Amino acid sequence: MRHRLKSEKFSRSEGLVRGLKKSLLRAILLEESIKTTHEQAKGLTIWVAKLITRAKVDNLHNRRLAYSELDDHKLVKHLFEDVALRFKDVPGGYTRMFDIGWRKGDCAKLSLIEFTKLSDKKKEIKPKTAKKGEENKEEAVEVLPTAKKEGKKVPVKGVKRLLAKKEKKEKA
């Protein structure tokens, strides 16, 4: 019987559902929050729960099963070493869904799906390495006079040119 299996097929053939599953799993593992249709998000919560529950026990068999779903060794490593460790003590409920409205083209219901525990990674700009005979230059970030009051750092590339144009307009 097919009771309560409405979101399993998504009106697609078996191969297309497999491809959809793989692409959604890869996207949620890489981005940690994605926007998709409501029905696909409901299906994705089931798939992610099974994958993370399996990844909590780190052994070769579980890694091979995860690889059969994801087809990427780096993603499997990320799943077992980062994502599964975040949810080590959590018995379930790895994702949450928010309804965000309707898609403009076909009026499909859209949802945002994300992990309940997001990573604390912050992107940092690495300083440029100095060439031989030169000092290490910090051209990536500079405090501008307008930003000194607020204590903010503003990227320099293109900003000096814009400020110069603005000052010329003010003088004229």
N, C-alpha and C. Protein backbone atom coordinates (compact mmCIF):
# COMPACT_ATOMS: atom_id res chain seq x y z
N MET A 1 0.83 -1.18 0.00
CA MET A 1 0.00 0.00 0.00
C MET A 1 0.87 1.24 0.00
N ARG A 2 0.37 2.32 -0.58
CA ARG A 2 1.15 3.55 -0.72
C ARG A 2 0.71 4.61 0.29
N HIS A 3 0.24 4.24 1.43
CA HIS A 3 -0.23 5.23 2.38
C HIS A 3 0.91 6.15 2.81
N ARG A 4 0.67 7.45 2.83
CA ARG A 4 1.58 8.48 3.32
C ARG A 4 2.90 8.51 2.56
N LEU A 5 2.92 8.14 1.30
CA LEU A 5 4.13 8.17 0.51
C LEU A 5 4.02 9.17 -0.64
N LYS A 6 3.24 10.22 -0.47
CA LYS A 6 2.99 11.17 -1.54
C LYS A 6 4.26 11.89 -1.98
N SER A 7 5.14 12.22 -1.03
CA SER A 7 6.31 13.02 -1.39
C SER A 7 7.49 12.18 -1.86
N GLU A 8 7.33 10.89 -2.00
CA GLU A 8 8.45 10.05 -2.40
C GLU A 8 8.73 10.09 -3.90
N LYS A 9 7.72 10.29 -4.74
CA LYS A 9 7.90 10.18 -6.18
C LYS A 9 8.08 11.52 -6.87
N PHE A 10 7.46 12.58 -6.39
CA PHE A 10 7.57 13.93 -6.94
C PHE A 10 7.21 14.00 -8.42
N SER A 11 6.32 13.13 -8.87
CA SER A 11 5.87 13.10 -10.28
C SER A 11 7.05 12.97 -11.24
N ARG A 12 8.01 12.15 -10.89
CA ARG A 12 9.20 11.94 -11.72
C ARG A 12 9.47 10.45 -11.83
N SER A 13 10.31 10.09 -12.80
CA SER A 13 10.71 8.70 -12.92
C SER A 13 11.76 8.39 -11.84
N GLU A 14 12.08 7.12 -11.71
CA GLU A 14 12.98 6.69 -10.64
C GLU A 14 14.36 7.32 -10.75
N GLY A 15 14.88 7.40 -11.96
CA GLY A 15 16.20 8.00 -12.15
C GLY A 15 16.23 9.48 -11.82
N LEU A 16 15.17 10.19 -12.17
CA LEU A 16 15.11 11.62 -11.88
C LEU A 16 14.97 11.87 -10.38
N VAL A 17 14.24 11.00 -9.68
CA VAL A 17 14.11 11.14 -8.23
C VAL A 17 15.46 10.90 -7.57
N ARG A 18 16.22 9.92 -8.06
CA ARG A 18 17.55 9.65 -7.53
C ARG A 18 18.48 10.85 -7.72
N GLY A 19 18.42 11.46 -8.91
CA GLY A 19 19.23 12.64 -9.17
C GLY A 19 18.81 13.83 -8.32
N LEU A 20 17.50 14.00 -8.14
CA LEU A 20 16.99 15.08 -7.29
C LEU A 20 17.45 14.89 -5.85
N LYS A 21 17.37 13.66 -5.38
CA LYS A 21 17.78 13.35 -4.01
C LYS A 21 19.26 13.66 -3.81
N LYS A 22 20.09 13.23 -4.76
CA LYS A 22 21.52 13.46 -4.65
C LYS A 22 21.85 14.95 -4.68
N SER A 23 21.22 15.70 -5.55
CA SER A 23 21.54 17.12 -5.65
C SER A 23 21.06 17.90 -4.43
N LEU A 24 19.90 17.54 -3.88
CA LEU A 24 19.42 18.22 -2.68
C LEU A 24 20.28 17.89 -1.47
N LEU A 25 20.69 16.62 -1.33
CA LEU A 25 21.56 16.24 -0.22
C LEU A 25 22.91 16.95 -0.30
N ARG A 26 23.48 17.02 -1.51
CA ARG A 26 24.75 17.71 -1.67
C ARG A 26 24.62 19.19 -1.35
N ALA A 27 23.51 19.81 -1.78
CA ALA A 27 23.32 21.23 -1.54
C ALA A 27 23.16 21.54 -0.05
N ILE A 28 22.39 20.74 0.66
CA ILE A 28 22.17 21.01 2.08
C ILE A 28 23.45 20.78 2.88
N LEU A 29 24.27 19.81 2.48
CA LEU A 29 25.52 19.57 3.20
C LEU A 29 26.54 20.68 2.93
N LEU A 30 26.55 21.21 1.73
CA LEU A 30 27.49 22.27 1.40
C LEU A 30 27.06 23.62 1.95
N GLU A 31 25.80 23.98 1.75
CA GLU A 31 25.32 25.32 2.10
C GLU A 31 24.72 25.40 3.50
N GLU A 32 24.24 24.31 4.04
CA GLU A 32 23.61 24.20 5.36
C GLU A 32 22.23 24.85 5.44
N SER A 33 21.81 25.58 4.44
CA SER A 33 20.42 26.05 4.35
C SER A 33 20.14 26.32 2.88
N ILE A 34 19.02 25.78 2.39
CA ILE A 34 18.67 25.96 0.99
C ILE A 34 17.19 26.31 0.88
N LYS A 35 16.84 26.88 -0.26
CA LYS A 35 15.46 27.24 -0.55
C LYS A 35 14.96 26.32 -1.66
N THR A 36 13.86 25.62 -1.41
CA THR A 36 13.30 24.70 -2.38
C THR A 36 11.79 24.63 -2.18
N THR A 37 11.12 23.81 -2.99
CA THR A 37 9.67 23.70 -2.82
C THR A 37 9.35 22.95 -1.54
N HIS A 38 8.16 23.15 -1.06
CA HIS A 38 7.76 22.59 0.23
C HIS A 38 7.78 21.05 0.20
N GLU A 39 7.29 20.45 -0.86
CA GLU A 39 7.26 18.99 -0.95
C GLU A 39 8.66 18.40 -1.00
N GLN A 40 9.56 19.04 -1.76
CA GLN A 40 10.93 18.55 -1.82
C GLN A 40 11.63 18.72 -0.47
N ALA A 41 11.32 19.80 0.24
CA ALA A 41 11.91 20.01 1.56
C ALA A 41 11.44 18.94 2.54
N LYS A 42 10.16 18.54 2.44
CA LYS A 42 9.67 17.47 3.32
C LYS A 42 10.39 16.15 3.03
N GLY A 43 10.59 15.85 1.77
CA GLY A 43 11.33 14.64 1.41
C GLY A 43 12.78 14.72 1.85
N LEU A 44 13.37 15.92 1.75
CA LEU A 44 14.76 16.10 2.11
C LEU A 44 15.00 15.91 3.60
N THR A 45 14.04 16.28 4.44
CA THR A 45 14.21 16.08 5.89
C THR A 45 14.36 14.60 6.21
N ILE A 46 13.60 13.76 5.52
CA ILE A 46 13.68 12.31 5.75
C ILE A 46 15.05 11.79 5.31
N TRP A 47 15.50 12.21 4.12
CA TRP A 47 16.78 11.74 3.59
C TRP A 47 17.94 12.19 4.45
N VAL A 48 17.91 13.46 4.90
CA VAL A 48 19.00 13.99 5.72
C VAL A 48 19.03 13.27 7.07
N ALA A 49 17.85 13.01 7.65
CA ALA A 49 17.81 12.33 8.94
C ALA A 49 18.43 10.95 8.85
N LYS A 50 18.12 10.21 7.79
CA LYS A 50 18.69 8.88 7.62
C LYS A 50 20.20 8.95 7.43
N LEU A 51 20.66 9.95 6.66
CA LEU A 51 22.08 10.07 6.38
C LEU A 51 22.88 10.46 7.62
N ILE A 52 22.37 11.41 8.40
CA ILE A 52 23.10 11.86 9.59
C ILE A 52 23.07 10.79 10.68
N THR A 53 21.95 10.09 10.81
CA THR A 53 21.88 9.02 11.80
C THR A 53 22.89 7.93 11.47
N ARG A 54 23.03 7.63 10.21
CA ARG A 54 24.03 6.63 9.80
C ARG A 54 25.44 7.16 10.02
N ALA A 55 25.65 8.46 9.82
CA ALA A 55 26.99 9.04 9.94
C ALA A 55 27.45 9.17 11.38
N LYS A 56 26.55 9.04 12.34
CA LYS A 56 26.96 9.12 13.75
C LYS A 56 27.86 7.97 14.14
N VAL A 57 27.69 6.82 13.51
CA VAL A 57 28.55 5.66 13.75
C VAL A 57 29.57 5.63 12.61
N ASP A 58 30.80 5.99 12.94
CA ASP A 58 31.83 6.13 11.91
C ASP A 58 32.53 4.80 11.70
N ASN A 59 32.12 4.09 10.65
CA ASN A 59 32.83 2.88 10.25
C ASN A 59 32.82 2.79 8.73
N LEU A 60 33.54 1.86 8.20
CA LEU A 60 33.73 1.77 6.76
C LEU A 60 32.42 1.49 6.03
N HIS A 61 31.58 0.64 6.59
CA HIS A 61 30.32 0.31 5.95
C HIS A 61 29.42 1.54 5.82
N ASN A 62 29.31 2.32 6.89
CA ASN A 62 28.48 3.52 6.83
C ASN A 62 29.05 4.56 5.87
N ARG A 63 30.38 4.67 5.81
CA ARG A 63 30.99 5.60 4.86
C ARG A 63 30.70 5.18 3.42
N ARG A 64 30.73 3.88 3.15
CA ARG A 64 30.44 3.41 1.79
C ARG A 64 28.98 3.64 1.43
N LEU A 65 28.07 3.45 2.39
CA LEU A 65 26.66 3.72 2.12
C LEU A 65 26.42 5.21 1.88
N ALA A 66 27.11 6.06 2.64
CA ALA A 66 26.98 7.51 2.43
C ALA A 66 27.56 7.90 1.07
N TYR A 67 28.67 7.26 0.69
CA TYR A 67 29.25 7.55 -0.63
C TYR A 67 28.32 7.13 -1.76
N SER A 68 27.57 6.05 -1.56
CA SER A 68 26.63 5.62 -2.60
C SER A 68 25.51 6.64 -2.78
N GLU A 69 25.20 7.40 -1.74
CA GLU A 69 24.18 8.45 -1.84
C GLU A 69 24.76 9.74 -2.42
N LEU A 70 26.00 10.11 -2.02
CA LEU A 70 26.54 11.43 -2.35
C LEU A 70 27.50 11.44 -3.53
N ASP A 71 28.20 10.32 -3.78
CA ASP A 71 29.18 10.22 -4.86
C ASP A 71 30.28 11.28 -4.78
N ASP A 72 30.74 11.60 -3.58
CA ASP A 72 31.81 12.57 -3.42
C ASP A 72 32.53 12.28 -2.11
N HIS A 73 33.82 11.97 -2.20
CA HIS A 73 34.58 11.61 -1.00
C HIS A 73 34.73 12.80 -0.05
N LYS A 74 34.89 14.01 -0.59
CA LYS A 74 35.04 15.18 0.28
C LYS A 74 33.76 15.45 1.06
N LEU A 75 32.61 15.27 0.43
CA LEU A 75 31.34 15.46 1.13
C LEU A 75 31.12 14.40 2.20
N VAL A 76 31.53 13.18 1.92
CA VAL A 76 31.40 12.11 2.92
C VAL A 76 32.29 12.43 4.11
N LYS A 77 33.49 12.91 3.85
CA LYS A 77 34.39 13.28 4.94
C LYS A 77 33.80 14.43 5.75
N HIS A 78 33.24 15.43 5.06
CA HIS A 78 32.60 16.56 5.75
C HIS A 78 31.41 16.09 6.58
N LEU A 79 30.64 15.16 6.03
CA LEU A 79 29.48 14.63 6.74
C LEU A 79 29.89 13.93 8.03
N PHE A 80 30.89 13.07 7.96
CA PHE A 80 31.29 12.28 9.12
C PHE A 80 32.10 13.08 10.14
N GLU A 81 32.93 14.02 9.68
CA GLU A 81 33.83 14.71 10.60
C GLU A 81 33.29 16.04 11.10
N ASP A 82 32.31 16.61 10.42
CA ASP A 82 31.80 17.91 10.86
C ASP A 82 30.33 17.85 11.24
N VAL A 83 29.51 17.45 10.30
CA VAL A 83 28.06 17.48 10.51
C VAL A 83 27.62 16.46 11.56
N ALA A 84 28.11 15.24 11.46
CA ALA A 84 27.68 14.19 12.41
C ALA A 84 28.17 14.49 13.82
N LEU A 85 29.32 15.12 13.95
CA LEU A 85 29.82 15.45 15.28
C LEU A 85 28.99 16.54 15.95
N ARG A 86 28.42 17.44 15.15
CA ARG A 86 27.54 18.47 15.70
C ARG A 86 26.29 17.87 16.32
N PHE A 87 25.80 16.79 15.71
CA PHE A 87 24.56 16.16 16.15
C PHE A 87 24.81 14.87 16.91
N LYS A 88 25.99 14.70 17.50
CA LYS A 88 26.35 13.45 18.18
C LYS A 88 25.39 13.11 19.32
N ASP A 89 24.98 14.10 20.10
CA ASP A 89 24.12 13.85 21.26
C ASP A 89 22.65 14.11 20.97
N VAL A 90 22.31 14.45 19.74
CA VAL A 90 20.92 14.77 19.38
C VAL A 90 20.26 13.54 18.80
N PRO A 91 19.12 13.10 19.34
CA PRO A 91 18.49 11.88 18.85
C PRO A 91 17.72 12.06 17.54
N GLY A 92 17.44 13.26 17.13
CA GLY A 92 16.71 13.49 15.88
C GLY A 92 16.44 14.97 15.72
N GLY A 93 15.68 15.33 14.70
CA GLY A 93 15.36 16.73 14.47
C GLY A 93 16.58 17.51 14.00
N TYR A 94 17.22 17.04 12.94
CA TYR A 94 18.44 17.67 12.46
C TYR A 94 18.17 18.89 11.59
N THR A 95 16.96 18.99 11.04
CA THR A 95 16.64 20.11 10.15
C THR A 95 15.37 20.81 10.63
N ARG A 96 15.20 22.04 10.15
CA ARG A 96 13.96 22.78 10.39
C ARG A 96 13.55 23.44 9.09
N MET A 97 12.24 23.65 8.94
CA MET A 97 11.68 24.22 7.71
C MET A 97 10.91 25.48 8.05
N PHE A 98 11.04 26.47 7.17
CA PHE A 98 10.26 27.70 7.27
C PHE A 98 9.57 27.94 5.94
N ASP A 99 8.29 28.24 5.97
CA ASP A 99 7.58 28.60 4.75
C ASP A 99 7.94 30.04 4.41
N ILE A 100 8.35 30.28 3.15
CA ILE A 100 8.79 31.62 2.79
C ILE A 100 7.96 32.24 1.68
N GLY A 101 6.87 31.61 1.30
CA GLY A 101 5.99 32.23 0.31
C GLY A 101 5.73 31.32 -0.87
N TRP A 102 5.44 31.97 -1.98
CA TRP A 102 5.06 31.26 -3.20
C TRP A 102 5.99 31.68 -4.33
N ARG A 103 6.35 30.70 -5.19
CA ARG A 103 7.20 30.99 -6.33
C ARG A 103 6.40 31.77 -7.36
N LYS A 104 7.04 32.74 -7.98
CA LYS A 104 6.34 33.64 -8.88
C LYS A 104 5.84 32.96 -10.15
N GLY A 105 6.63 32.08 -10.73
CA GLY A 105 6.28 31.49 -12.02
C GLY A 105 5.10 30.54 -11.98
N ASP A 106 5.15 29.54 -11.10
CA ASP A 106 4.11 28.52 -11.06
C ASP A 106 3.35 28.49 -9.74
N CYS A 107 3.61 29.44 -8.87
CA CYS A 107 2.91 29.58 -7.59
C CYS A 107 3.09 28.34 -6.70
N ALA A 108 4.28 27.74 -6.78
CA ALA A 108 4.58 26.61 -5.91
C ALA A 108 4.98 27.14 -4.53
N LYS A 109 4.62 26.42 -3.49
CA LYS A 109 4.94 26.83 -2.14
C LYS A 109 6.42 26.60 -1.88
N LEU A 110 7.14 27.64 -1.43
CA LEU A 110 8.58 27.55 -1.19
C LEU A 110 8.87 27.44 0.30
N SER A 111 9.93 26.74 0.62
CA SER A 111 10.36 26.58 2.01
C SER A 111 11.86 26.74 2.10
N LEU A 112 12.30 27.23 3.23
CA LEU A 112 13.72 27.30 3.55
C LEU A 112 13.99 26.15 4.52
N ILE A 113 14.96 25.32 4.18
CA ILE A 113 15.31 24.19 5.05
C ILE A 113 16.75 24.36 5.47
N GLU A 114 17.02 24.20 6.77
CA GLU A 114 18.37 24.38 7.28
C GLU A 114 18.61 23.44 8.45
N PHE A 115 19.90 23.24 8.78
CA PHE A 115 20.25 22.44 9.95
C PHE A 115 19.88 23.20 11.21
N THR A 116 19.52 22.47 12.26
CA THR A 116 19.19 23.14 13.52
C THR A 116 20.44 23.66 14.22
N LYS A 117 21.57 23.02 14.01
CA LYS A 117 22.85 23.50 14.55
C LYS A 117 23.73 23.90 13.37
N LEU A 118 23.85 25.20 13.14
CA LEU A 118 24.67 25.68 12.05
C LEU A 118 26.12 25.76 12.49
N SER A 119 27.04 25.66 11.53
CA SER A 119 28.47 25.71 11.87
C SER A 119 28.86 27.14 12.21
N ASP A 120 29.91 27.27 12.99
CA ASP A 120 30.40 28.58 13.42
C ASP A 120 31.55 29.06 12.55
N LYS A 121 31.61 28.62 11.31
CA LYS A 121 32.69 29.03 10.42
C LYS A 121 32.48 30.48 10.00
N LYS A 122 33.54 31.26 10.08
CA LYS A 122 33.50 32.63 9.59
C LYS A 122 34.57 32.76 8.52
N LYS A 123 34.22 33.38 7.42
CA LYS A 123 35.18 33.56 6.35
C LYS A 123 36.14 34.67 6.73
N GLU A 124 37.41 34.36 6.70
CA GLU A 124 38.44 35.34 7.01
C GLU A 124 39.28 35.58 5.78
N ILE A 125 39.63 36.83 5.56
CA ILE A 125 40.49 37.17 4.44
C ILE A 125 41.93 36.98 4.88
N LYS A 126 42.65 36.14 4.16
CA LYS A 126 44.05 35.91 4.50
C LYS A 126 44.88 37.07 3.95
N PRO A 127 45.82 37.58 4.73
CA PRO A 127 46.66 38.66 4.22
C PRO A 127 47.54 38.15 3.09
N LYS A 128 47.83 39.05 2.16
CA LYS A 128 48.67 38.67 1.04
C LYS A 128 50.08 38.39 1.53
N THR A 129 50.70 37.37 1.00
CA THR A 129 52.07 37.05 1.40
C THR A 129 53.02 38.00 0.69
N ALA A 130 54.07 38.40 1.38
CA ALA A 130 55.03 39.36 0.83
C ALA A 130 55.94 38.66 -0.16
N LYS A 131 56.25 39.38 -1.24
CA LYS A 131 57.20 38.86 -2.21
C LYS A 131 58.60 39.12 -1.68
N LYS A 132 59.58 38.55 -2.35
CA LYS A 132 60.96 38.72 -1.91
C LYS A 132 61.34 40.19 -2.01
N GLY A 133 61.87 40.73 -0.92
CA GLY A 133 62.34 42.11 -0.90
C GLY A 133 61.25 43.13 -0.63
N GLU A 134 60.01 42.71 -0.46
CA GLU A 134 58.91 43.64 -0.19
C GLU A 134 58.33 43.35 1.18
N GLU A 135 57.75 44.39 1.75
CA GLU A 135 57.08 44.21 3.03
C GLU A 135 55.68 43.66 2.80
N ASN A 136 55.10 43.10 3.82
CA ASN A 136 53.74 42.58 3.73
C ASN A 136 52.77 43.76 3.71
N LYS A 137 52.01 43.88 2.64
CA LYS A 137 51.08 44.99 2.49
C LYS A 137 49.70 44.55 2.90
N GLU A 138 49.01 45.41 3.59
CA GLU A 138 47.63 45.13 3.97
C GLU A 138 46.72 46.03 3.15
N GLU A 139 46.49 45.66 1.90
CA GLU A 139 45.65 46.45 1.02
C GLU A 139 44.20 45.98 1.04
N ALA A 140 43.95 44.88 1.69
CA ALA A 140 42.59 44.33 1.67
C ALA A 140 41.63 45.17 2.50
N VAL A 141 42.07 45.69 3.65
CA VAL A 141 41.18 46.43 4.53
C VAL A 141 41.89 47.68 5.02
N GLU A 142 41.18 48.79 4.98
CA GLU A 142 41.73 50.06 5.46
C GLU A 142 40.61 50.84 6.10
N VAL A 143 40.93 51.59 7.15
CA VAL A 143 39.91 52.38 7.82
C VAL A 143 39.79 53.71 7.08
N LEU A 144 38.62 54.00 6.56
CA LEU A 144 38.37 55.24 5.84
C LEU A 144 37.90 56.32 6.81
N PRO A 145 38.08 57.61 6.45
CA PRO A 145 37.69 58.68 7.37
C PRO A 145 36.21 58.65 7.74
N THR A 146 35.34 58.29 6.81
CA THR A 146 33.91 58.25 7.13
C THR A 146 33.57 57.10 8.05
N ALA A 147 34.37 56.05 8.00
CA ALA A 147 34.10 54.87 8.82
C ALA A 147 34.77 54.94 10.18
N LYS A 148 35.68 55.91 10.38
CA LYS A 148 36.37 56.01 11.66
C LYS A 148 35.40 56.30 12.79
N LYS A 149 34.38 57.11 12.49
CA LYS A 149 33.41 57.46 13.52
C LYS A 149 32.66 56.23 14.02
N GLU A 150 32.35 55.34 13.08
CA GLU A 150 31.59 54.14 13.42
C GLU A 150 32.48 52.99 13.84
N GLY A 151 33.79 53.11 13.57
CA GLY A 151 34.72 52.04 13.94
C GLY A 151 34.65 50.85 13.00
N LYS A 152 34.20 51.06 11.75
CA LYS A 152 34.08 49.96 10.80
C LYS A 152 35.27 49.94 9.87
N LYS A 153 35.58 48.77 9.34
CA LYS A 153 36.61 48.64 8.32
C LYS A 153 35.92 48.38 7.00
N VAL A 154 36.38 49.07 5.98
CA VAL A 154 35.73 49.02 4.68
C VAL A 154 36.75 48.52 3.66
N PRO A 155 36.37 47.64 2.76
CA PRO A 155 37.31 47.20 1.74
C PRO A 155 37.70 48.35 0.83
N VAL A 156 38.97 48.38 0.42
CA VAL A 156 39.52 49.51 -0.30
C VAL A 156 39.26 49.42 -1.80
N LYS A 157 39.35 48.26 -2.36
CA LYS A 157 39.26 48.12 -3.81
C LYS A 157 38.00 48.75 -4.35
N GLY A 158 38.14 49.77 -5.17
CA GLY A 158 37.00 50.44 -5.78
C GLY A 158 36.41 51.53 -4.91
N VAL A 159 36.63 51.48 -3.60
CA VAL A 159 36.04 52.46 -2.71
C VAL A 159 36.74 53.80 -2.85
N LYS A 160 38.07 53.79 -2.98
CA LYS A 160 38.81 55.04 -3.15
C LYS A 160 38.35 55.77 -4.40
N ARG A 161 38.14 55.02 -5.46
CA ARG A 161 37.69 55.62 -6.72
C ARG A 161 36.31 56.24 -6.55
N LEU A 162 35.42 55.54 -5.87
CA LEU A 162 34.08 56.07 -5.64
C LEU A 162 34.11 57.31 -4.75
N LEU A 163 34.96 57.28 -3.72
CA LEU A 163 35.07 58.45 -2.85
C LEU A 163 35.66 59.63 -3.58
N ALA A 164 36.63 59.37 -4.46
CA ALA A 164 37.22 60.45 -5.24
C ALA A 164 36.18 61.10 -6.15
N LYS A 165 35.34 60.28 -6.78
CA LYS A 165 34.27 60.83 -7.63
C LYS A 165 33.28 61.64 -6.81
N LYS A 166 32.97 61.15 -5.61
CA LYS A 166 32.02 61.84 -4.75
C LYS A 166 32.59 63.20 -4.30
N GLU A 167 33.91 63.24 -3.97
CA GLU A 167 34.52 64.48 -3.56
C GLU A 167 34.57 65.49 -4.71
N LYS A 168 34.82 65.01 -5.95
CA LYS A 168 34.82 65.91 -7.10
C LYS A 168 33.46 66.52 -7.32
N LYS A 169 32.41 65.72 -7.14
CA LYS A 169 31.04 66.24 -7.31
C LYS A 169 30.70 67.27 -6.24
N GLU A 170 31.19 67.03 -5.00
CA GLU A 170 30.93 67.97 -3.92
C GLU A 170 31.68 69.28 -4.12
N LYS A 171 32.89 69.22 -4.68
CA LYS A 171 33.67 70.43 -4.92
C LYS A 171 33.07 71.25 -6.05
N ALA A 172 32.49 70.58 -7.02
CA ALA A 172 31.95 71.29 -8.20
C ALA A 172 30.62 71.96 -7.93
